[in-house]
Amino acid sequence: MRVLAVDFGTKKLGLALSDPLGRMALPRGVMPRSSEERDLAELARLVAEEGVAALVVGLPLSLGGEETPSSRRALDFGRKLAARTGLAVHFVDERLTSSEAKARLRESGARAKKTKARLDAEAAAVILESFLAERRTAAPTDATEPAS
């Protein structure tokens, strides 16, 4: 089962895609934000093109675990994505994923300029890895069913 993860941001969306068996998370790229309608259409096209069966959206909670204005925007976007694609969207706590992504890119020897360009996709891969690991050990409980 292929899974697409989105690291939601106001200026760009980091994307990561699992392998067909849903075991590995691979950075897929960064999508500059346009209008919400165009963003949803582009993601729906990618879902169809790649045979995606589930979606994951990173939830930017505060360090204390509380909702923030950014997390409310991500929840709203995820619900709209569910309605657009007909797939359930799972929300995953994304606290500290950017730090983890930066560390991975540094360890890989990526130059600073390339690191910045790839950071959101790498963060999406960290979010997706978290979801895939949770799914292997227990059923995820925080999903938004698609609108009927």
Protein backbone atom coordinates (compact mmCIF):
# COMPACT_ATOMS: atom_id res chain seq x y z
CA MET A 1 0.00 0.00 0.00
CA ARG A 2 1.52 3.30 -1.11
CA VAL A 3 1.26 6.21 1.30
CA LEU A 4 1.83 9.90 0.54
CA ALA A 5 2.92 12.22 3.35
CA VAL A 6 2.62 16.00 3.32
CA ASP A 7 4.68 18.36 5.46
CA PHE A 8 2.20 21.24 5.40
CA GLY A 9 3.49 24.80 5.20
CA THR A 10 2.11 28.16 4.15
CA LYS A 11 4.67 28.62 1.34
CA LYS A 12 5.40 25.04 0.29
CA LEU A 13 4.44 21.43 0.83
CA GLY A 14 7.09 18.81 1.48
CA LEU A 15 6.16 15.45 -0.01
CA ALA A 16 7.28 11.90 0.69
CA LEU A 17 6.05 8.65 -0.79
CA SER A 18 6.33 5.12 0.52
CA ASP A 19 7.46 2.19 -1.56
CA PRO A 20 4.60 0.01 -2.94
CA LEU A 21 4.73 -2.27 0.12
CA GLY A 22 4.48 0.65 2.54
CA ARG A 23 7.74 -0.13 4.30
CA MET A 24 10.12 2.65 3.27
CA ALA A 25 9.63 6.42 3.14
CA LEU A 26 11.31 8.32 0.33
CA PRO A 27 11.39 12.12 -0.10
CA ARG A 28 9.32 12.98 -3.20
CA GLY A 29 10.05 16.69 -3.51
CA VAL A 30 8.77 20.10 -2.55
CA MET A 31 5.67 21.67 -4.06
CA PRO A 32 5.47 25.46 -3.93
CA ARG A 33 2.06 26.58 -2.65
CA SER A 34 -0.27 28.16 -5.16
CA SER A 35 -3.96 28.51 -4.44
CA GLU A 36 -5.51 25.93 -2.15
CA GLU A 37 -7.63 24.63 -5.04
CA ARG A 38 -4.57 24.14 -7.26
CA ASP A 39 -2.62 22.52 -4.43
CA LEU A 40 -5.44 20.03 -3.78
CA ALA A 41 -5.79 19.32 -7.52
CA GLU A 42 -2.05 18.69 -7.87
CA LEU A 43 -2.02 16.36 -4.85
CA ALA A 44 -5.09 14.50 -6.17
CA ARG A 45 -3.28 14.06 -9.51
CA LEU A 46 -0.20 12.71 -7.72
CA VAL A 47 -2.36 10.34 -5.65
CA ALA A 48 -3.92 8.91 -8.83
CA GLU A 49 -0.62 8.79 -10.74
CA GLU A 50 1.26 6.97 -7.96
CA GLY A 51 -1.55 4.65 -6.84
CA VAL A 52 -1.62 6.10 -3.34
CA ALA A 53 -3.97 4.31 -0.92
CA ALA A 54 -3.52 6.46 2.21
CA LEU A 55 -2.48 10.00 3.09
CA VAL A 56 -0.56 11.43 6.03
CA VAL A 57 -0.42 15.10 6.99
CA GLY A 58 2.05 16.40 9.56
CA LEU A 59 0.41 18.16 12.47
CA PRO A 60 2.54 21.06 13.77
CA LEU A 61 1.70 21.01 17.47
CA SER A 62 3.44 23.21 20.02
CA LEU A 63 6.33 21.64 21.95
CA GLY A 64 3.83 21.14 24.79
CA GLY A 65 1.54 19.18 22.46
CA GLU A 66 -1.17 21.83 22.11
CA GLU A 67 -2.90 22.86 18.90
CA THR A 68 -1.58 25.98 17.19
CA PRO A 69 -2.93 28.16 14.39
CA SER A 70 -0.64 26.19 12.04
CA SER A 71 -2.00 22.85 13.25
CA ARG A 72 -5.57 24.06 12.72
CA ARG A 73 -4.67 25.04 9.13
CA ALA A 74 -3.07 21.62 8.58
CA LEU A 75 -6.18 19.88 9.95
CA ASP A 76 -8.40 21.92 7.64
CA PHE A 77 -6.16 21.19 4.64
CA GLY A 78 -6.11 17.48 5.50
CA ARG A 79 -9.91 17.34 5.68
CA LYS A 80 -10.17 19.03 2.28
CA LEU A 81 -7.58 16.62 0.87
CA ALA A 82 -9.63 13.68 2.19
CA ALA A 83 -12.75 15.05 0.52
CA ARG A 84 -10.89 15.69 -2.74
CA THR A 85 -9.22 12.27 -3.00
CA GLY A 86 -11.74 10.01 -1.26
CA LEU A 87 -8.95 8.69 0.97
CA ALA A 88 -8.60 8.78 4.74
CA VAL A 89 -6.02 11.27 5.98
CA HIS A 90 -3.96 10.34 9.03
CA PHE A 91 -2.51 13.18 11.09
CA VAL A 92 0.93 12.64 12.62
CA ASP A 93 2.62 14.79 15.26
CA GLU A 94 5.46 16.51 13.44
CA ARG A 95 7.23 18.09 16.41
CA LEU A 96 11.00 18.15 15.86
CA THR A 97 10.79 16.60 12.37
CA SER A 98 12.58 19.59 10.81
CA SER A 99 15.45 19.15 13.27
CA GLU A 100 15.67 15.45 12.42
CA ALA A 101 15.52 16.24 8.69
CA LYS A 102 18.31 18.84 8.99
CA ALA A 103 20.49 16.37 10.86
CA ARG A 104 19.94 13.69 8.21
CA LEU A 105 20.78 16.04 5.37
CA ARG A 106 23.93 17.24 7.17
CA GLU A 107 24.99 13.63 7.76
CA SER A 108 24.47 12.85 4.08
CA GLY A 109 26.94 15.60 3.19
CA ALA A 110 24.41 17.80 1.39
CA ARG A 111 25.54 21.38 0.86
CA ALA A 112 23.71 24.15 2.72
CA LYS A 113 21.95 25.42 -0.41
CA LYS A 114 20.73 21.94 -1.37
CA THR A 115 19.81 21.20 2.24
CA LYS A 116 17.39 24.14 2.36
CA ALA A 117 15.75 23.09 -0.92
CA ARG A 118 15.27 19.48 0.24
CA LEU A 119 14.41 20.11 3.88
CA ASP A 120 10.61 19.97 3.58
CA ALA A 121 10.68 16.74 1.55
CA GLU A 122 13.04 15.17 4.08
CA ALA A 123 10.75 16.32 6.92
CA ALA A 124 7.82 14.69 5.08
CA ALA A 125 9.87 11.47 4.93
CA VAL A 126 10.44 11.64 8.71
CA ILE A 127 6.68 12.11 9.22
CA LEU A 128 5.95 9.18 6.90
CA GLU A 129 8.50 6.94 8.65
CA SER A 130 6.78 7.68 11.95
CA PHE A 131 3.40 6.72 10.49
CA LEU A 132 4.72 3.53 8.87
CA ALA A 133 6.45 2.46 12.10
CA GLU A 134 3.26 3.08 14.10
CA ARG A 135 1.23 1.14 11.56
CA ARG A 136 3.57 -1.84 11.86
CA THR A 137 3.07 -1.98 15.63
CA ALA A 138 -0.55 -0.80 16.06
CA ALA A 139 -3.44 0.52 14.04
CA PRO A 140 -3.31 4.33 13.74
CA THR A 141 -6.23 5.91 15.52
CA ASP A 142 -6.23 9.50 14.29
CA ALA A 143 -7.72 9.43 10.79
CA THR A 144 -10.20 11.63 9.06
CA GLU A 145 -12.50 9.62 6.84
CA PRO A 146 -13.21 11.06 3.43
CA ALA A 147 -16.36 13.11 3.09
CA SER A 148 -19.22 11.28 1.42
